[in-house]
């Protein structure tokens, strides 16, 4: 692999694909520069959300495993608008089903879809997104506006005092698809045995039903990211 440095960013070239190496501060700067709604791919390593188990059935894999994921995501969306669009699309689908049941011709239905979409925005009960319980969207130093992508978070102690050492930055995404994750031992990095994998699956916490799969990835957990056909490798 041929490597050079441009503007303090290492660039590695392999075949016809240029992979840019970024540290985490540089990644944050790249994310601040993303314009509008953008589709990306990301490789992440996270700690799976598991139950500890009880006295009789202790989860011996708790805090001993990490999960590698390859996900397709959307960046830069307006969460509230996304929720209302889903409700409007549902309204249109139900209107079409009702029209078909009433024997209205497919041609007339097709000609009316535009009007249905217009009516749907007026007919649905608008959804108002709640403020998140932790963290807040960061102010972009590029645009001076609140970022729809970057979130910062600092934990507080029991008295409400901020703990700066816990400060983390997160990337907010909507998950569109994902490959099957790979679970590895936290210490050795090796892939789990079948027995230990079954234990992990047994104690994984089920996710709640949600209209949009919103996830917040710590910048520390992103290993590679692909934005606008450019791949970035994230260094420590």
Protein backbone atom coordinates (compact mmCIF):
# COMPACT_ATOMS: atom_id res chain seq x y z
CA UNK A 1 0.00 0.00 0.00
CA UNK A 2 1.35 3.41 -1.03
CA UNK A 3 1.01 6.00 1.71
CA UNK A 4 1.55 9.75 1.73
CA UNK A 5 0.48 12.74 3.80
CA UNK A 6 -1.69 15.59 2.55
CA UNK A 7 -2.79 18.44 4.84
CA UNK A 8 -1.85 16.36 7.91
CA UNK A 9 -4.14 13.53 6.74
CA UNK A 10 -2.58 10.20 5.82
CA UNK A 11 -3.78 8.82 2.50
CA UNK A 12 -3.37 5.18 1.68
CA UNK A 13 -3.94 3.88 -1.87
CA UNK A 14 -4.94 0.32 -2.64
CA UNK A 15 -5.90 -0.64 -6.20
CA UNK A 16 -8.18 2.15 -7.50
CA UNK A 17 -9.68 2.99 -4.12
CA UNK A 18 -8.22 5.78 -2.02
CA UNK A 19 -8.77 5.27 1.70
CA UNK A 20 -8.17 8.31 3.89
CA UNK A 21 -7.00 7.80 7.47
CA UNK A 22 -8.54 10.17 10.00
CA UNK A 23 -8.24 10.58 13.73
CA UNK A 24 -11.47 11.04 15.65
CA UNK A 25 -11.29 14.83 15.77
CA UNK A 26 -10.89 14.89 11.98
CA UNK A 27 -13.86 12.53 11.62
CA UNK A 28 -16.03 14.94 13.61
CA UNK A 29 -14.97 17.73 11.24
CA UNK A 30 -15.92 15.58 8.23
CA UNK A 31 -19.33 14.83 9.74
CA UNK A 32 -19.95 18.53 10.39
CA UNK A 33 -19.35 19.13 6.67
CA UNK A 34 -21.98 16.62 5.50
CA UNK A 35 -24.69 18.54 3.64
CA UNK A 36 -28.36 17.57 3.64
CA UNK A 37 -29.60 13.99 3.90
CA UNK A 38 -26.77 11.58 3.04
CA UNK A 39 -26.56 7.78 2.86
CA UNK A 40 -23.48 6.18 4.37
CA UNK A 41 -21.94 2.88 5.36
CA UNK A 42 -20.16 2.34 8.66
CA UNK A 43 -18.17 -0.40 10.39
CA UNK A 44 -18.58 -0.21 14.16
CA UNK A 45 -17.47 -2.08 17.26
CA UNK A 46 -19.82 -1.76 20.23
CA UNK A 47 -20.69 -3.52 23.47
CA UNK A 48 -23.93 -5.50 23.00
CA UNK A 49 -26.81 -4.54 25.27
CA UNK A 50 -27.33 -7.64 27.44
CA UNK A 51 -29.00 -8.60 30.69
CA UNK A 52 -26.76 -9.74 33.54
CA UNK A 53 -29.01 -12.65 34.42
CA UNK A 54 -30.08 -13.76 37.88
CA UNK A 55 -28.54 -15.72 40.72
CA UNK A 56 -29.38 -19.10 39.23
CA UNK A 57 -28.67 -18.22 35.62
CA UNK A 58 -25.79 -15.76 35.53
CA UNK A 59 -24.75 -14.34 32.17
CA UNK A 60 -21.06 -15.23 32.26
CA UNK A 61 -20.49 -13.36 28.97
CA UNK A 62 -21.64 -10.03 30.40
CA UNK A 63 -18.96 -7.36 29.82
CA UNK A 64 -16.77 -9.98 28.08
CA UNK A 65 -17.87 -9.51 24.49
CA UNK A 66 -17.92 -6.87 21.72
CA UNK A 67 -19.96 -6.74 18.53
CA UNK A 68 -18.70 -5.83 15.06
CA UNK A 69 -21.38 -4.46 12.75
CA UNK A 70 -21.54 -3.26 9.15
CA UNK A 71 -24.51 -0.94 8.73
CA UNK A 72 -26.16 1.18 6.05
CA UNK A 73 -27.42 4.45 7.48
CA UNK A 74 -28.93 7.84 6.77
CA UNK A 75 -27.38 11.04 8.08
CA UNK A 76 -28.70 14.58 8.35
CA UNK A 77 -32.43 13.80 8.51
CA UNK A 78 -35.03 15.72 10.49
CA UNK A 79 -36.37 13.14 12.95
CA UNK A 80 -39.74 14.84 13.39
CA UNK A 81 -40.23 15.19 9.62
CA UNK A 82 -39.30 11.53 9.13
CA UNK A 83 -41.94 10.43 11.65
CA UNK A 84 -44.64 12.57 10.01
CA UNK A 85 -43.73 11.30 6.54
CA UNK A 86 -44.15 7.72 7.74
CA UNK A 87 -47.59 8.57 9.11
CA UNK A 88 -48.53 10.34 5.85
CA UNK A 89 -47.36 7.37 3.76
CA UNK A 90 -49.41 5.04 5.95
CA UNK A 91 -52.48 7.28 5.44
CA UNK A 92 -52.02 7.12 1.64
CA UNK A 93 -51.60 3.33 1.69
CA UNK A 94 -54.79 2.91 3.71
CA UNK A 95 -56.67 5.29 1.35
CA UNK A 96 -55.54 3.23 -1.65
CA UNK A 97 -56.67 -0.01 0.02
CA UNK A 98 -60.06 1.55 0.75
CA UNK A 99 -60.39 2.77 -2.85
CA UNK A 100 -59.59 -0.70 -4.19
CA UNK A 101 -62.14 -2.26 -1.83
CA UNK A 102 -64.76 0.22 -3.11
CA UNK A 103 -64.11 -0.91 -6.68
CA UNK A 104 -62.47 2.30 -7.92
CA UNK A 105 -60.46 1.67 -11.09
CA UNK A 106 -56.65 1.44 -10.87
CA UNK A 107 -56.35 4.25 -13.43
CA UNK A 108 -58.40 6.63 -11.29
CA UNK A 109 -56.50 5.62 -8.16
CA UNK A 110 -53.18 6.26 -9.90
CA UNK A 111 -54.37 9.67 -11.08
CA UNK A 112 -55.44 10.54 -7.51
CA UNK A 113 -52.24 9.59 -5.65
CA UNK A 114 -50.81 13.10 -5.85
CA UNK A 115 -53.98 14.53 -4.32
CA UNK A 116 -53.97 11.78 -1.66
CA UNK A 117 -50.45 12.73 -0.63
CA UNK A 118 -51.51 16.35 -0.33
CA UNK A 119 -54.52 15.41 1.80
CA UNK A 120 -52.42 13.07 3.94
CA UNK A 121 -50.28 15.90 5.32
CA UNK A 122 -53.45 17.70 6.39
CA UNK A 123 -55.24 14.63 7.78
CA UNK A 124 -52.64 12.97 9.98
CA UNK A 125 -52.09 13.94 13.59
CA UNK A 126 -48.70 15.62 13.57
CA UNK A 127 -46.01 13.96 15.65
CA UNK A 128 -43.84 16.12 17.89
CA UNK A 129 -40.46 14.63 18.72
CA UNK A 130 -39.50 14.63 22.39
CA UNK A 131 -36.20 16.01 23.61
CA UNK A 132 -33.67 13.27 24.24
CA UNK A 133 -33.07 12.40 27.90
CA UNK A 134 -29.32 12.65 27.50
CA UNK A 135 -27.00 14.78 25.42
CA UNK A 136 -27.80 17.53 22.94
CA UNK A 137 -27.20 18.26 19.27
CA UNK A 138 -23.98 20.19 18.81
CA UNK A 139 -23.63 23.60 17.19
CA UNK A 140 -21.75 23.20 13.90
CA UNK A 141 -18.64 25.41 13.70
CA UNK A 142 -19.00 25.23 9.91
CA UNK A 143 -22.57 26.51 9.52
CA UNK A 144 -23.25 28.03 12.92
CA UNK A 145 -26.45 25.97 13.03
CA UNK A 146 -27.49 23.04 15.21
CA UNK A 147 -26.18 19.83 13.64
CA UNK A 148 -28.63 17.02 12.89
CA UNK A 149 -25.76 14.55 13.01
CA UNK A 150 -23.45 15.34 15.93
CA UNK A 151 -24.47 14.97 19.58
CA UNK A 152 -22.40 15.61 22.68
CA UNK A 153 -22.93 14.07 26.07
CA UNK A 154 -21.42 14.60 29.50
CA UNK A 155 -22.61 12.51 32.42
CA UNK A 156 -23.41 14.00 35.82
CA UNK A 157 -22.80 12.68 39.30
CA UNK A 158 -25.59 12.05 41.82
CA UNK A 159 -25.54 15.74 42.81
CA UNK A 160 -25.94 16.92 39.23
CA UNK A 161 -22.35 18.05 38.80
CA UNK A 162 -20.92 17.51 35.31
CA UNK A 163 -18.18 14.92 34.92
CA UNK A 164 -15.99 16.22 32.05
CA UNK A 165 -14.00 12.99 31.87
CA UNK A 166 -17.12 11.20 30.61
CA UNK A 167 -17.57 13.58 27.66
CA UNK A 168 -18.33 11.78 24.41
CA UNK A 169 -19.47 12.71 20.93
CA UNK A 170 -22.02 10.66 19.04
CA UNK A 171 -23.16 10.34 15.44
CA UNK A 172 -26.95 10.10 15.05
CA UNK A 173 -28.11 7.85 12.21
CA UNK A 174 -31.17 6.07 10.94
CA UNK A 175 -30.37 2.40 10.32
CA UNK A 176 -31.50 1.25 6.87
CA UNK A 177 -29.92 -2.19 6.86
CA UNK A 178 -27.15 -4.26 8.40
CA UNK A 179 -25.15 -7.42 7.84
CA UNK A 180 -25.21 -10.13 10.48
CA UNK A 181 -22.99 -8.93 13.36
CA UNK A 182 -19.86 -10.74 14.48
CA UNK A 183 -19.35 -11.23 18.22
CA UNK A 184 -15.80 -11.39 19.59
CA UNK A 185 -14.17 -11.84 22.99
CA UNK A 186 -13.36 -8.45 24.50
CA UNK A 187 -9.88 -9.46 25.69
CA UNK A 188 -8.51 -11.63 22.87
CA UNK A 189 -10.48 -10.28 19.91
CA UNK A 190 -11.23 -13.81 18.72
CA UNK A 191 -14.65 -14.79 17.39
CA UNK A 192 -16.92 -16.39 20.02
CA UNK A 193 -17.35 -20.13 20.23
CA UNK A 194 -20.79 -21.50 19.34
CA UNK A 195 -21.52 -22.14 23.02
CA UNK A 196 -20.64 -18.61 24.12
CA UNK A 197 -22.50 -17.11 21.17
CA UNK A 198 -25.66 -18.94 22.26
CA UNK A 199 -25.22 -17.47 25.74
CA UNK A 200 -24.94 -13.95 24.28
CA UNK A 201 -28.06 -14.41 22.16
CA UNK A 202 -29.98 -15.69 25.18
CA UNK A 203 -29.30 -12.51 27.18
CA UNK A 204 -29.50 -9.88 24.44
CA UNK A 205 -32.12 -7.23 25.29
CA UNK A 206 -34.93 -7.10 22.71
CA UNK A 207 -35.38 -3.79 20.96
CA UNK A 208 -38.65 -1.93 21.25
CA UNK A 209 -40.90 -1.58 18.22
CA UNK A 210 -40.05 1.71 16.59
CA UNK A 211 -41.13 3.39 13.33
CA UNK A 212 -37.56 4.55 12.67
CA UNK A 213 -34.41 2.74 13.81
CA UNK A 214 -32.50 5.68 15.29
CA UNK A 215 -29.07 4.88 16.69
CA UNK A 216 -26.36 7.02 18.28
CA UNK A 217 -22.83 5.72 17.66
CA UNK A 218 -20.01 6.98 19.82
CA UNK A 219 -17.24 8.37 17.61
CA UNK A 220 -14.92 6.06 19.55
CA UNK A 221 -16.82 3.04 18.23
CA UNK A 222 -16.57 3.88 14.51
CA UNK A 223 -13.79 1.97 12.74
CA UNK A 224 -14.49 2.78 9.08
CA UNK A 225 -17.04 4.99 7.39
CA UNK A 226 -18.05 5.51 3.75
CA UNK A 227 -19.51 8.90 2.82
CA UNK A 228 -20.23 10.10 -0.74
CA UNK A 229 -18.13 7.28 -2.23
CA UNK A 230 -15.14 8.17 -0.04
CA UNK A 231 -13.93 5.65 2.53
CA UNK A 232 -12.30 6.79 5.75
CA UNK A 233 -10.31 4.60 8.13
CA UNK A 234 -10.52 5.90 11.70
CA UNK A 235 -7.35 5.81 13.77
CA UNK A 236 -7.11 6.02 17.55
